[in-house]
Every structure is written in C-alpha cells, then in structure tokens.
Amino acid sequence: TVQTFPVGGTELDPQSARRTTCPTIDAIKNVSNGSQILVASHTSAIYQIMGPGVEEECTGFGIDISNDDIFPKDDRGSVPRAEYGFIWKFSIDAEGNAHFLKRIDFKLDLITG
C-alpha cells in the first residue's frame, strides 16, 4: 500500500516542510507493528522525522542520526542536495518503535533498472 501525506496532496511550502513533518510522523506511528515502510520526504524534514521531531509540535522516532556516513548532513543539518534521491527504509517493531534499516538511492536504481 502506498500512502501520501498530507492527505489530499497538499503542495509543500517550497521554503519549509514543517507543515508536513508532524502529519507524516503521526501517519508512521499509526502503521501496524511489524511493518516495514519506505519514507521519501522533503530533505529538511527527513531527519526531523527520524530524529527529534519538531520542537513543541511533535516528537520524532528518536533514531540516532549522528553517524554522518549513514546520515550525511549539510551545514544546516539537513540532507545535502546530492542525497535528495534517497528513500529511507524503516521497520516498526512490536512496541511501535521505528528502526532505520537502510537508505536506497532511488536515482541510481532508476538509471540501472
């Protein structure tokens, strides 16, 4: 099943993904335990979703994103532009906790088939 958030296909504000971060976190938290999910999100939101969330608005999944080899960051702490083509794969365990599994280079997969 593919689900798009926010529901209704609301256009993202080009300057900020803040409007979609919390609804995306909430949607992931409502996925059945034991599921595996793929997340493709605005670059400024993906680390908020995986990590701390949005201050005073919603809590992310608390995944440790400090390893720059796995979670590259630009000077703003966001995914660098060269990494925009990634899709992030997670599992949701029996207690509803998210665990990072891997990132998939969607651009490369499209090129190589």
Protein backbone atom coordinates (compact mmCIF):
# COMPACT_ATOMS: atom_id res chain seq x y z
CA THR A 1 0.00 0.00 0.00
CA VAL A 2 1.27 3.45 -0.86
CA GLN A 3 0.10 6.37 1.23
CA THR A 4 0.86 10.00 0.53
CA PHE A 5 0.90 12.62 3.28
CA PRO A 6 -0.52 15.07 3.81
CA VAL A 7 -3.75 13.50 2.63
CA GLY A 8 -5.17 15.36 -0.33
CA GLY A 9 -1.77 16.04 -1.85
CA THR A 10 -1.30 19.49 -0.32
CA GLU A 11 1.60 21.24 -2.01
CA LEU A 12 4.65 21.65 0.18
CA ASP A 13 5.73 25.16 1.04
CA PRO A 14 8.91 25.50 -1.04
CA GLN A 15 10.70 27.16 1.85
CA SER A 16 9.73 24.69 4.55
CA ALA A 17 8.46 21.15 5.01
CA ARG A 18 7.36 21.92 8.55
CA ARG A 19 3.64 21.63 7.69
CA THR A 20 4.06 18.02 6.57
CA THR A 21 6.55 16.74 9.14
CA CYS A 22 4.17 16.14 12.05
CA PRO A 23 1.38 14.59 9.92
CA THR A 24 3.99 12.25 8.42
CA ILE A 25 5.28 11.28 11.87
CA ASP A 26 1.71 10.66 13.05
CA ALA A 27 0.97 8.52 9.99
CA ILE A 28 4.09 6.40 10.53
CA LYS A 29 3.19 5.97 14.20
CA ASN A 30 -0.15 4.53 13.06
CA VAL A 31 1.45 1.87 10.85
CA SER A 32 0.89 -1.67 12.10
CA ASN A 33 3.62 -3.02 14.37
CA GLY A 34 5.90 -5.39 12.49
CA SER A 35 5.64 -3.36 9.27
CA GLN A 36 8.43 -2.19 7.04
CA ILE A 37 7.99 1.23 5.49
CA LEU A 38 9.66 3.42 2.90
CA VAL A 39 9.81 7.15 3.52
CA ALA A 40 10.56 9.72 0.85
CA SER A 41 10.31 13.17 2.33
CA HIS A 42 11.32 16.75 1.83
CA THR A 43 15.03 16.95 2.63
CA SER A 44 14.58 19.33 5.56
CA ALA A 45 12.02 17.01 7.17
CA ILE A 46 13.52 13.52 6.91
CA TYR A 47 15.96 13.94 9.80
CA GLN A 48 13.25 15.56 11.93
CA ILE A 49 11.05 12.53 11.25
CA MET A 50 13.81 10.07 12.11
CA GLY A 51 15.29 12.02 15.00
CA PRO A 52 13.86 14.61 17.37
CA GLY A 53 10.70 15.75 15.56
CA VAL A 54 9.61 19.38 15.53
CA GLU A 55 10.21 21.30 18.74
CA GLU A 56 6.97 21.97 20.67
CA GLU A 57 4.87 20.35 17.91
CA CYS A 58 5.60 16.62 17.61
CA THR A 59 8.15 14.01 18.63
CA GLY A 60 10.11 12.06 16.01
CA PHE A 61 11.32 8.49 16.34
CA GLY A 62 14.49 9.22 18.30
CA ILE A 63 16.74 7.37 15.87
CA ASP A 64 20.40 8.31 16.41
CA ILE A 65 21.29 10.21 13.24
CA SER A 66 24.76 11.30 14.40
CA ASN A 67 26.72 8.97 12.08
CA ASP A 68 27.48 11.22 9.10
CA ASP A 69 28.49 8.25 6.93
CA ILE A 70 24.95 6.87 7.15
CA PHE A 71 23.12 10.18 7.65
CA PRO A 72 25.04 12.85 5.68
CA LYS A 73 24.28 16.46 6.59
CA ASP A 74 24.86 19.86 5.10
CA ASP A 75 25.71 22.95 7.15
CA ARG A 76 22.02 23.27 8.17
CA GLY A 77 21.88 19.69 9.46
CA SER A 78 19.67 18.63 6.55
CA VAL A 79 20.21 16.03 3.86
CA PRO A 80 22.68 17.50 1.32
CA ARG A 81 21.32 18.22 -2.16
CA ALA A 82 23.43 15.41 -3.63
CA GLU A 83 21.48 12.98 -1.42
CA TYR A 84 17.95 14.10 -2.42
CA GLY A 85 17.22 10.91 -4.35
CA PHE A 86 17.23 8.63 -1.31
CA ILE A 87 14.31 6.67 0.02
CA TRP A 88 14.65 5.64 3.66
CA LYS A 89 13.57 2.17 4.83
CA PHE A 90 12.40 1.55 8.39
CA SER A 91 10.86 -1.26 10.37
CA ILE A 92 8.30 -0.79 13.12
CA ASP A 93 8.85 -3.27 15.94
CA ALA A 94 6.27 -4.96 18.17
CA GLU A 95 6.31 -1.98 20.56
CA GLY A 96 5.79 0.57 17.78
CA ASN A 97 9.39 1.83 17.71
CA ALA A 98 10.95 2.72 14.37
CA HIS A 99 14.33 1.29 13.39
CA PHE A 100 16.37 2.53 10.46
CA LEU A 101 17.20 -0.31 8.04
CA LYS A 102 18.80 1.34 5.02
CA ARG A 103 18.64 4.13 2.50
CA ILE A 104 18.01 3.39 -1.14
CA ASP A 105 19.41 5.60 -3.90
CA PHE A 106 16.28 5.94 -6.00
CA LYS A 107 18.09 7.93 -8.71
CA LEU A 108 20.67 5.16 -9.19
CA ASP A 109 18.01 2.45 -9.19
CA LEU A 110 16.14 4.30 -11.95
CA ILE A 111 19.30 4.56 -14.04
CA THR A 112 20.45 0.97 -13.57
CA GLY A 113 16.99 -0.60 -13.59
